[in-house]
Amino acid sequence: HPDLPSIRCVGYRQMWEYLDGDCTRDEAVFRGICATRQLAKRQITWLRSWNDLTWLDSDNIEQALETMSEAIASD
């Protein structure tokens, strides 16, 4: 059912196109990857609009934990 909300999820539409024979498996996978990348870009843009957002570096877990602890303590 193309009108169901779940079809709007990343990857579903692309896989349904494959299952319906509208594209090859490789095309569906590629389209799913592109859709995921587009969603990630939109999410980053949305997050950047938050004025009081604190970014954490996942490569420096100790610093990220310290930053989170400070934020929780100051709340």
N, C-alpha and C. Protein backbone atom coordinates (compact mmCIF):
# COMPACT_ATOMS: atom_id res chain seq x y z
N HIS A 1 0.84 -1.19 0.00
CA HIS A 1 0.00 0.00 0.00
C HIS A 1 0.88 1.25 0.00
N PRO A 2 1.00 1.91 -1.12
CA PRO A 2 1.89 3.07 -1.21
C PRO A 2 1.44 4.27 -0.38
N ASP A 3 0.22 4.26 0.12
CA ASP A 3 -0.27 5.40 0.90
C ASP A 3 -0.03 5.23 2.40
N LEU A 4 0.51 4.12 2.83
CA LEU A 4 0.76 3.90 4.25
C LEU A 4 1.95 4.75 4.73
N PRO A 5 1.87 5.26 5.97
CA PRO A 5 2.98 6.08 6.50
C PRO A 5 4.32 5.34 6.52
N SER A 6 4.29 4.04 6.73
CA SER A 6 5.55 3.29 6.81
C SER A 6 6.32 3.34 5.50
N ILE A 7 5.64 3.52 4.40
CA ILE A 7 6.32 3.57 3.11
C ILE A 7 7.20 4.81 3.01
N ARG A 8 6.92 5.82 3.81
CA ARG A 8 7.74 7.04 3.80
C ARG A 8 9.06 6.84 4.53
N CYS A 9 9.23 5.74 5.25
CA CYS A 9 10.48 5.48 5.96
C CYS A 9 11.60 5.22 4.95
N VAL A 10 12.79 5.62 5.31
CA VAL A 10 13.94 5.44 4.43
C VAL A 10 14.14 3.96 4.14
N GLY A 11 14.23 3.64 2.87
CA GLY A 11 14.49 2.27 2.44
C GLY A 11 13.26 1.48 2.04
N TYR A 12 12.12 1.76 2.65
CA TYR A 12 10.92 1.01 2.33
C TYR A 12 10.48 1.23 0.89
N ARG A 13 10.38 2.50 0.50
CA ARG A 13 9.91 2.81 -0.85
C ARG A 13 10.83 2.16 -1.89
N GLN A 14 12.13 2.23 -1.64
CA GLN A 14 13.10 1.68 -2.58
C GLN A 14 12.96 0.16 -2.68
N MET A 15 12.74 -0.50 -1.56
CA MET A 15 12.59 -1.96 -1.59
C MET A 15 11.26 -2.37 -2.23
N TRP A 16 10.21 -1.59 -2.00
CA TRP A 16 8.94 -1.90 -2.66
C TRP A 16 9.06 -1.74 -4.16
N GLU A 17 9.81 -0.73 -4.61
CA GLU A 17 10.03 -0.56 -6.05
C GLU A 17 10.72 -1.79 -6.61
N TYR A 18 11.68 -2.32 -5.87
CA TYR A 18 12.37 -3.54 -6.29
C TYR A 18 11.41 -4.72 -6.32
N LEU A 19 10.64 -4.90 -5.25
CA LEU A 19 9.70 -6.02 -5.18
C LEU A 19 8.62 -5.94 -6.24
N ASP A 20 8.26 -4.72 -6.64
CA ASP A 20 7.26 -4.54 -7.70
C ASP A 20 7.87 -4.69 -9.09
N GLY A 21 9.18 -4.87 -9.15
CA GLY A 21 9.85 -5.04 -10.43
C GLY A 21 10.15 -3.74 -11.15
N ASP A 22 10.08 -2.63 -10.43
CA ASP A 22 10.32 -1.32 -11.05
C ASP A 22 11.81 -1.00 -11.17
N CYS A 23 12.66 -1.74 -10.45
CA CYS A 23 14.10 -1.51 -10.54
C CYS A 23 14.81 -2.79 -10.10
N THR A 24 16.11 -2.82 -10.35
CA THR A 24 16.90 -3.97 -9.92
C THR A 24 17.22 -3.86 -8.44
N ARG A 25 17.71 -4.94 -7.87
CA ARG A 25 18.10 -4.92 -6.46
C ARG A 25 19.21 -3.90 -6.23
N ASP A 26 20.20 -3.90 -7.11
CA ASP A 26 21.30 -2.94 -6.95
C ASP A 26 20.81 -1.50 -7.02
N GLU A 27 19.88 -1.22 -7.92
CA GLU A 27 19.31 0.13 -8.00
C GLU A 27 18.56 0.48 -6.72
N ALA A 28 17.82 -0.48 -6.19
CA ALA A 28 17.06 -0.23 -4.95
C ALA A 28 18.01 0.06 -3.79
N VAL A 29 19.09 -0.71 -3.70
CA VAL A 29 20.07 -0.48 -2.63
C VAL A 29 20.70 0.90 -2.80
N PHE A 30 21.09 1.24 -4.03
CA PHE A 30 21.69 2.55 -4.28
C PHE A 30 20.72 3.67 -3.94
N ARG A 31 19.47 3.53 -4.34
CA ARG A 31 18.46 4.55 -4.04
C ARG A 31 18.24 4.66 -2.52
N GLY A 32 18.27 3.53 -1.84
CA GLY A 32 18.13 3.55 -0.38
C GLY A 32 19.27 4.28 0.29
N ILE A 33 20.48 4.06 -0.21
CA ILE A 33 21.65 4.76 0.32
C ILE A 33 21.53 6.26 0.07
N CYS A 34 21.11 6.63 -1.14
CA CYS A 34 20.93 8.06 -1.46
C CYS A 34 19.86 8.69 -0.57
N ALA A 35 18.76 7.98 -0.35
CA ALA A 35 17.69 8.50 0.50
C ALA A 35 18.17 8.67 1.94
N THR A 36 18.98 7.73 2.40
CA THR A 36 19.53 7.82 3.76
C THR A 36 20.44 9.04 3.88
N ARG A 37 21.29 9.25 2.88
CA ARG A 37 22.19 10.40 2.88
C ARG A 37 21.40 11.70 2.88
N GLN A 38 20.35 11.78 2.07
CA GLN A 38 19.52 12.99 2.02
C GLN A 38 18.85 13.25 3.36
N LEU A 39 18.35 12.19 4.01
CA LEU A 39 17.73 12.35 5.32
C LEU A 39 18.75 12.86 6.34
N ALA A 40 19.94 12.29 6.32
CA ALA A 40 20.99 12.72 7.26
C ALA A 40 21.32 14.19 7.06
N LYS A 41 21.40 14.63 5.81
CA LYS A 41 21.68 16.05 5.54
C LYS A 41 20.57 16.94 6.08
N ARG A 42 19.32 16.53 5.88
CA ARG A 42 18.20 17.32 6.40
C ARG A 42 18.23 17.37 7.93
N GLN A 43 18.57 16.25 8.56
CA GLN A 43 18.63 16.23 10.02
C GLN A 43 19.74 17.14 10.55
N ILE A 44 20.90 17.13 9.90
CA ILE A 44 22.00 18.00 10.32
C ILE A 44 21.59 19.46 10.16
N THR A 45 20.95 19.79 9.05
CA THR A 45 20.48 21.16 8.84
C THR A 45 19.51 21.56 9.93
N TRP A 46 18.59 20.68 10.27
CA TRP A 46 17.60 20.95 11.32
C TRP A 46 18.30 21.15 12.67
N LEU A 47 19.26 20.29 12.99
CA LEU A 47 19.96 20.40 14.27
C LEU A 47 20.76 21.70 14.35
N ARG A 48 21.32 22.13 13.26
CA ARG A 48 22.11 23.38 13.26
C ARG A 48 21.25 24.60 13.57
N SER A 49 19.94 24.48 13.41
CA SER A 49 19.05 25.60 13.70
C SER A 49 18.82 25.77 15.20
N TRP A 50 19.24 24.81 16.00
CA TRP A 50 19.10 24.90 17.45
C TRP A 50 20.23 25.77 17.99
N ASN A 51 19.87 26.86 18.65
CA ASN A 51 20.88 27.80 19.15
C ASN A 51 21.69 27.25 20.32
N ASP A 52 21.07 26.48 21.18
CA ASP A 52 21.77 26.01 22.39
C ASP A 52 22.21 24.55 22.30
N LEU A 53 22.40 24.06 21.11
CA LEU A 53 22.81 22.68 20.90
C LEU A 53 24.30 22.52 21.18
N THR A 54 24.67 21.47 21.88
CA THR A 54 26.07 21.16 22.14
C THR A 54 26.43 19.90 21.36
N TRP A 55 27.43 20.02 20.51
CA TRP A 55 27.87 18.87 19.71
C TRP A 55 28.89 18.07 20.53
N LEU A 56 28.80 16.76 20.43
CA LEU A 56 29.73 15.87 21.13
C LEU A 56 30.59 15.15 20.11
N ASP A 57 31.85 14.95 20.46
CA ASP A 57 32.79 14.26 19.60
C ASP A 57 32.81 12.78 19.99
N SER A 58 32.31 11.93 19.10
CA SER A 58 32.24 10.50 19.42
C SER A 58 33.63 9.86 19.46
N ASP A 59 34.64 10.54 18.96
CA ASP A 59 36.00 10.02 19.03
C ASP A 59 36.65 10.28 20.39
N ASN A 60 36.03 11.15 21.18
CA ASN A 60 36.57 11.49 22.51
C ASN A 60 35.46 11.25 23.54
N ILE A 61 35.27 10.00 23.89
CA ILE A 61 34.17 9.60 24.78
C ILE A 61 34.30 10.26 26.15
N GLU A 62 35.51 10.33 26.69
CA GLU A 62 35.68 10.93 28.02
C GLU A 62 35.22 12.39 28.03
N GLN A 63 35.60 13.14 27.01
CA GLN A 63 35.18 14.54 26.92
C GLN A 63 33.67 14.64 26.73
N ALA A 64 33.10 13.76 25.92
CA ALA A 64 31.66 13.77 25.69
C ALA A 64 30.91 13.49 27.00
N LEU A 65 31.39 12.52 27.77
CA LEU A 65 30.76 12.21 29.06
C LEU A 65 30.87 13.37 30.03
N GLU A 66 32.02 14.03 30.03
CA GLU A 66 32.22 15.18 30.91
C GLU A 66 31.26 16.32 30.52
N THR A 67 31.14 16.56 29.23
CA THR A 67 30.24 17.61 28.74
C THR A 67 28.80 17.30 29.12
N MET A 68 28.40 16.04 28.97
CA MET A 68 27.03 15.65 29.34
C MET A 68 26.81 15.77 30.84
N SER A 69 27.78 15.35 31.63
CA SER A 69 27.66 15.45 33.09
C SER A 69 27.51 16.90 33.53
N GLU A 70 28.29 17.79 32.93
CA GLU A 70 28.20 19.21 33.25
C GLU A 70 26.83 19.78 32.87
N ALA A 71 26.32 19.36 31.73
CA ALA A 71 25.01 19.85 31.28
C ALA A 71 23.91 19.37 32.22
N ILE A 72 24.00 18.13 32.66
CA ILE A 72 22.99 17.57 33.57
C ILE A 72 23.07 18.27 34.93
N ALA A 73 24.29 18.49 35.41
CA ALA A 73 24.48 19.12 36.72
C ALA A 73 24.00 20.57 36.73
N SER A 74 24.11 21.25 35.60
CA SER A 74 23.71 22.66 35.55
C SER A 74 22.22 22.84 35.32
N ASP A 75 21.53 21.78 35.07
CA ASP A 75 20.10 21.86 34.77
C ASP A 75 19.27 21.97 35.99
